[in-house]
Amino acid sequence: MDRAVIEPSAKRTEALSSFRLAEKDKAMTTLALVDDDENIVASLKMFFEAEGYQVRTYHDGESALPALTESPPDIAILDVKMPKMDGMELLRRLRQTSELPVIFLTSKDEEIDEVIGFNIGADDFVRKPCSNRLLAERVKAVLRRARGGVAGPEEGDSKPIVRGKLVLDPNRHACTWDGKTVRLTVTEFLILQALASRPGYVKSRDQLMDAAYDDQIYVDDRTIDSHIKRLRKKFREVTDEFDAIETLYGVGYRYTE
């Protein structure tokens, strides 16, 4: 019987002092708002510009799609329910070519929306109505994850992780398998990084949630299963023989070389 090596649960000790972006980072950060409610768009645009972001606005998914594809911002906030093309369909199409960080705004109180959204690659959900400050903190949290945490190049780059045919470069958010690029969302990258950093060690769903999400973001543990499923699918598009992520039912997942 295979004895799984279970890594001790890590405490959430990372300081939340990284809540705010440095002024120099915000000045370079472009945020796209896509919502058919003109009042919400106007209010958020004014707020985020005052915070130092460059803000682009769109009122439906159809007009936003080419703009976000041809000139991607650093992060996008999408309303779920919009005319012409809703937020879910917009994200589905974006994910065909882009791993742009995305936060959904939703007025619906249905868990299925979040399940579907996370399955197609959303990074976070915020329910309307919400405070501008709360939304801003969620934006900062997703950007931190996309940029590999709070440490910048001046504080020391993270070394690439090499595991057989897998190469993960946290500094460039780059992933390759046998020299071929595998496009991963922020969450997928962080989950794979957590697994590949300790080959052979089992990570529970809770541990993977700790690695992929900030303390203030709460998701169902089955969301991790959805991310693992998407990870496997992406690697199998590169090679049918990919089996490096192993499931240990009732325990968690581990990376095997």
Protein backbone atom coordinates (compact mmCIF):
# COMPACT_ATOMS: atom_id res chain seq x y z
CA MET A 1 0.00 0.00 0.00
CA ASP A 2 1.37 3.37 -0.98
CA ARG A 3 2.07 5.49 2.09
CA ALA A 4 1.50 9.14 1.31
CA VAL A 5 3.87 11.66 2.83
CA ILE A 6 1.64 14.41 4.14
CA GLU A 7 3.18 17.82 4.54
CA PRO A 8 2.31 19.59 7.82
CA SER A 9 -0.34 22.26 7.49
CA ALA A 10 1.23 25.68 6.97
CA LYS A 11 0.01 28.60 9.06
CA ARG A 12 -1.20 31.68 7.28
CA THR A 13 1.58 33.93 8.46
CA GLU A 14 2.19 36.17 5.50
CA ALA A 15 1.82 39.78 6.51
CA LEU A 16 -1.13 41.70 5.16
CA SER A 17 0.97 44.83 4.98
CA SER A 18 1.08 44.09 1.26
CA PHE A 19 -2.55 45.21 1.03
CA ARG A 20 -1.57 48.39 -0.75
CA LEU A 21 0.35 48.58 -4.01
CA ALA A 22 3.41 50.77 -4.10
CA GLU A 23 2.71 54.09 -5.79
CA LYS A 24 5.10 53.28 -8.60
CA ASP A 25 3.24 50.01 -9.24
CA LYS A 26 -0.21 51.63 -9.26
CA ALA A 27 0.98 54.24 -11.75
CA MET A 28 1.72 51.42 -14.18
CA THR A 29 -1.43 49.43 -13.48
CA THR A 30 -4.24 49.45 -16.04
CA LEU A 31 -7.68 48.30 -14.92
CA ALA A 32 -10.60 47.52 -17.23
CA LEU A 33 -14.22 47.87 -16.04
CA VAL A 34 -16.94 46.07 -17.99
CA ASP A 35 -20.48 46.72 -16.71
CA ASP A 36 -23.70 47.87 -18.36
CA ASP A 37 -24.65 50.02 -15.36
CA GLU A 38 -23.31 53.46 -16.25
CA ASN A 39 -23.62 54.73 -12.67
CA ILE A 40 -21.50 51.88 -11.32
CA VAL A 41 -18.91 52.36 -14.06
CA ALA A 42 -18.70 56.10 -13.46
CA SER A 43 -18.38 55.64 -9.70
CA LEU A 44 -15.71 52.94 -9.93
CA LYS A 45 -13.79 54.79 -12.61
CA MET A 46 -13.59 57.90 -10.46
CA PHE A 47 -12.57 55.88 -7.42
CA PHE A 48 -9.84 53.81 -9.06
CA GLU A 49 -8.39 56.80 -10.92
CA ALA A 50 -8.14 58.59 -7.57
CA GLU A 51 -6.26 55.51 -6.33
CA GLY A 52 -3.74 55.93 -9.14
CA TYR A 53 -4.94 53.36 -11.67
CA GLN A 54 -5.34 53.88 -15.39
CA VAL A 55 -8.97 52.91 -16.05
CA ARG A 56 -10.61 51.75 -19.28
CA THR A 57 -14.39 51.26 -19.39
CA TYR A 58 -16.80 49.21 -21.52
CA HIS A 59 -20.55 48.67 -21.24
CA ASP A 60 -20.96 45.19 -22.71
CA GLY A 61 -18.88 42.10 -23.35
CA GLU A 62 -19.10 42.37 -27.12
CA SER A 63 -17.32 45.73 -27.27
CA ALA A 64 -14.88 44.77 -24.50
CA LEU A 65 -13.65 41.51 -26.07
CA PRO A 66 -11.55 42.92 -28.94
CA ALA A 67 -10.13 45.67 -26.75
CA LEU A 68 -9.12 43.31 -23.94
CA THR A 69 -7.66 40.86 -26.45
CA GLU A 70 -5.68 43.32 -28.55
CA SER A 71 -4.48 45.50 -25.68
CA PRO A 72 -4.79 43.59 -22.40
CA PRO A 73 -4.96 45.57 -19.15
CA ASP A 74 -3.29 44.34 -15.97
CA ILE A 75 -6.63 43.26 -14.50
CA ALA A 76 -10.31 43.31 -15.49
CA ILE A 77 -13.49 43.62 -13.43
CA LEU A 78 -16.45 42.06 -15.26
CA ASP A 79 -20.15 42.19 -14.46
CA VAL A 80 -21.77 38.76 -14.83
CA LYS A 81 -25.07 39.93 -16.34
CA MET A 82 -24.69 42.19 -19.39
CA PRO A 83 -26.40 42.63 -22.76
CA LYS A 84 -24.97 41.31 -26.06
CA MET A 85 -22.37 39.17 -24.28
CA ASP A 86 -22.43 38.40 -20.55
CA GLY A 87 -19.39 38.23 -18.31
CA MET A 88 -19.20 34.43 -18.30
CA GLU A 89 -19.10 34.23 -22.09
CA LEU A 90 -16.60 37.08 -22.22
CA LEU A 91 -14.28 35.22 -19.87
CA ARG A 92 -14.68 31.96 -21.81
CA ARG A 93 -13.52 33.71 -24.96
CA LEU A 94 -10.70 35.55 -23.21
CA ARG A 95 -9.40 32.29 -21.75
CA GLN A 96 -8.90 30.89 -25.24
CA THR A 97 -5.88 33.16 -25.66
CA SER A 98 -5.31 35.05 -22.40
CA GLU A 99 -4.68 34.48 -18.70
CA LEU A 100 -5.69 38.04 -17.79
CA PRO A 101 -6.57 38.29 -14.06
CA VAL A 102 -10.36 38.69 -13.75
CA ILE A 103 -12.70 39.58 -10.91
CA PHE A 104 -16.43 39.09 -11.37
CA LEU A 105 -19.07 41.47 -10.03
CA THR A 106 -22.37 39.73 -9.43
CA SER A 107 -25.69 40.72 -7.93
CA LYS A 108 -26.91 37.13 -7.92
CA ASP A 109 -26.87 35.14 -4.71
CA GLU A 110 -26.37 31.79 -6.37
CA GLU A 111 -23.42 29.54 -5.59
CA ILE A 112 -23.62 28.04 -9.07
CA ASP A 113 -22.41 31.34 -10.57
CA GLU A 114 -19.20 31.14 -8.56
CA VAL A 115 -18.71 27.46 -9.35
CA ILE A 116 -19.07 28.10 -13.09
CA GLY A 117 -16.94 31.24 -12.90
CA PHE A 118 -14.06 29.54 -11.11
CA ASN A 119 -14.30 26.60 -13.49
CA ILE A 120 -13.73 28.84 -16.51
CA GLY A 121 -10.87 30.69 -14.88
CA ALA A 122 -12.15 33.57 -12.72
CA ASP A 123 -9.79 34.75 -9.99
CA ASP A 124 -12.36 36.15 -7.56
CA PHE A 125 -16.01 37.11 -7.06
CA VAL A 126 -17.40 40.22 -5.39
CA ARG A 127 -21.11 40.58 -4.75
CA LYS A 128 -22.96 43.82 -5.48
CA PRO A 129 -23.59 46.10 -3.76
CA CYS A 130 -20.10 46.32 -2.26
CA SER A 131 -17.91 49.12 -1.00
CA ASN A 132 -15.34 50.56 -3.38
CA ARG A 133 -12.70 49.98 -0.73
CA LEU A 134 -13.52 46.26 -0.48
CA LEU A 135 -13.31 45.90 -4.25
CA ALA A 136 -9.99 47.77 -4.28
CA GLU A 137 -8.55 45.35 -1.72
CA ARG A 138 -9.68 42.40 -3.82
CA VAL A 139 -8.01 43.97 -6.87
CA LYS A 140 -4.77 44.38 -4.93
CA ALA A 141 -4.93 40.79 -3.68
CA VAL A 142 -5.34 39.37 -7.18
CA LEU A 143 -2.57 41.61 -8.54
CA ARG A 144 -0.24 40.46 -5.76
CA ARG A 145 -0.88 36.87 -6.71
CA ALA A 146 -0.38 37.65 -10.40
CA ARG A 147 2.93 39.33 -9.63
CA GLY A 148 4.17 36.51 -7.45
CA GLY A 149 3.69 38.15 -4.06
CA VAL A 150 5.05 41.34 -2.58
CA ALA A 151 8.74 40.74 -3.18
CA GLY A 152 10.11 42.65 -6.12
CA PRO A 153 13.31 42.07 -8.13
CA GLU A 154 15.25 44.26 -5.72
CA GLU A 155 14.34 41.87 -2.89
CA GLY A 156 15.60 38.78 -4.71
CA ASP A 157 14.10 36.85 -7.61
CA SER A 158 12.63 33.42 -7.04
CA LYS A 159 14.52 30.64 -8.78
CA PRO A 160 12.70 28.69 -11.49
CA ILE A 161 11.35 25.31 -10.39
CA VAL A 162 12.55 22.47 -12.62
CA ARG A 163 10.91 19.09 -12.24
CA GLY A 164 11.77 16.82 -15.14
CA LYS A 165 10.03 18.26 -18.20
CA LEU A 166 8.27 20.93 -16.10
CA VAL A 167 9.77 24.40 -15.70
CA LEU A 168 7.98 27.05 -13.61
CA ASP A 169 9.36 30.59 -13.53
CA PRO A 170 7.56 32.58 -10.78
CA ASN A 171 9.25 35.84 -11.80
CA ARG A 172 7.75 35.71 -15.29
CA HIS A 173 4.66 33.67 -14.41
CA ALA A 174 5.86 31.29 -17.14
CA CYS A 175 5.26 27.55 -17.41
CA THR A 176 6.66 25.09 -19.95
CA TRP A 177 6.47 21.34 -20.40
CA ASP A 178 9.20 19.75 -22.49
CA GLY A 179 9.96 23.20 -23.89
CA LYS A 180 6.34 23.90 -24.86
CA THR A 181 4.44 26.81 -23.28
CA VAL A 182 1.48 25.99 -21.04
CA ARG A 183 -0.71 29.02 -20.35
CA LEU A 184 -1.92 29.11 -16.75
CA THR A 185 -4.12 31.48 -14.80
CA VAL A 186 -2.74 33.03 -11.61
CA THR A 187 -4.58 30.51 -9.44
CA GLU A 188 -3.55 27.52 -11.55
CA PHE A 189 0.09 28.63 -11.48
CA LEU A 190 0.11 29.02 -7.69
CA ILE A 191 -1.50 25.61 -7.16
CA LEU A 192 0.99 23.91 -9.47
CA GLN A 193 3.87 25.79 -7.85
CA ALA A 194 2.75 24.57 -4.40
CA LEU A 195 2.61 20.98 -5.64
CA ALA A 196 5.83 21.01 -7.68
CA SER A 197 7.85 22.70 -4.93
CA ARG A 198 7.65 19.48 -2.86
CA PRO A 199 7.41 16.49 -5.22
CA GLY A 200 6.02 13.41 -3.55
CA TYR A 201 4.46 15.32 -0.66
CA VAL A 202 0.69 15.41 -0.45
CA LYS A 203 -1.06 18.76 -0.30
CA SER A 204 -4.59 18.82 1.07
CA ARG A 205 -7.24 21.03 -0.50
CA ASP A 206 -6.92 23.42 2.45
CA GLN A 207 -3.18 23.73 1.91
CA LEU A 208 -3.66 24.42 -1.78
CA MET A 209 -6.28 27.05 -0.96
CA ASP A 210 -3.76 28.67 1.39
CA ALA A 211 -1.21 28.73 -1.43
CA ALA A 212 -3.57 30.10 -4.07
CA TYR A 213 -5.87 32.49 -2.20
CA ASP A 214 -5.45 35.31 0.28
CA ASP A 215 -6.98 35.05 3.74
CA GLN A 216 -9.88 37.33 2.88
CA ILE A 217 -10.98 35.20 -0.09
CA TYR A 218 -13.17 32.23 0.77
CA VAL A 219 -13.96 29.46 -1.71
CA ASP A 220 -15.37 25.98 -1.39
CA ASP A 221 -12.64 23.35 -1.16
CA ARG A 222 -14.11 21.62 -4.21
CA THR A 223 -13.03 24.65 -6.20
CA ILE A 224 -9.50 23.23 -5.95
CA ASP A 225 -10.74 20.09 -7.71
CA SER A 226 -11.96 22.25 -10.59
CA HIS A 227 -8.58 23.98 -10.86
CA ILE A 228 -6.75 20.64 -10.84
CA LYS A 229 -9.05 19.40 -13.61
CA ARG A 230 -8.24 22.48 -15.71
CA LEU A 231 -4.52 22.06 -15.05
CA ARG A 232 -4.54 18.47 -16.25
CA LYS A 233 -6.54 19.41 -19.33
CA LYS A 234 -4.06 22.14 -20.29
CA PHE A 235 -1.06 19.86 -19.92
CA ARG A 236 -2.76 17.05 -21.85
CA GLU A 237 -3.26 19.47 -24.72
CA VAL A 238 0.54 19.54 -24.86
CA THR A 239 1.08 15.83 -24.18
CA ASP A 240 -1.49 13.04 -23.87
CA GLU A 241 0.81 11.23 -21.45
CA PHE A 242 0.74 13.87 -18.69
CA ASP A 243 0.09 12.22 -15.32
CA ALA A 244 2.32 14.21 -12.95
CA ILE A 245 -0.54 15.41 -10.72
CA GLU A 246 -1.77 12.48 -8.68
CA THR A 247 -5.02 12.32 -6.72
CA LEU A 248 -5.08 10.61 -3.33
CA TYR A 249 -8.78 10.29 -2.63
CA GLY A 250 -9.81 11.67 0.73
CA VAL A 251 -6.35 13.16 1.27
CA GLY A 252 -5.37 15.59 -1.47
CA TYR A 253 -2.98 15.87 -4.41
CA ARG A 254 0.74 15.46 -5.03
CA TYR A 255 3.19 16.09 -7.83
CA THR A 256 5.16 13.07 -9.01
CA GLU A 257 8.23 13.32 -11.22
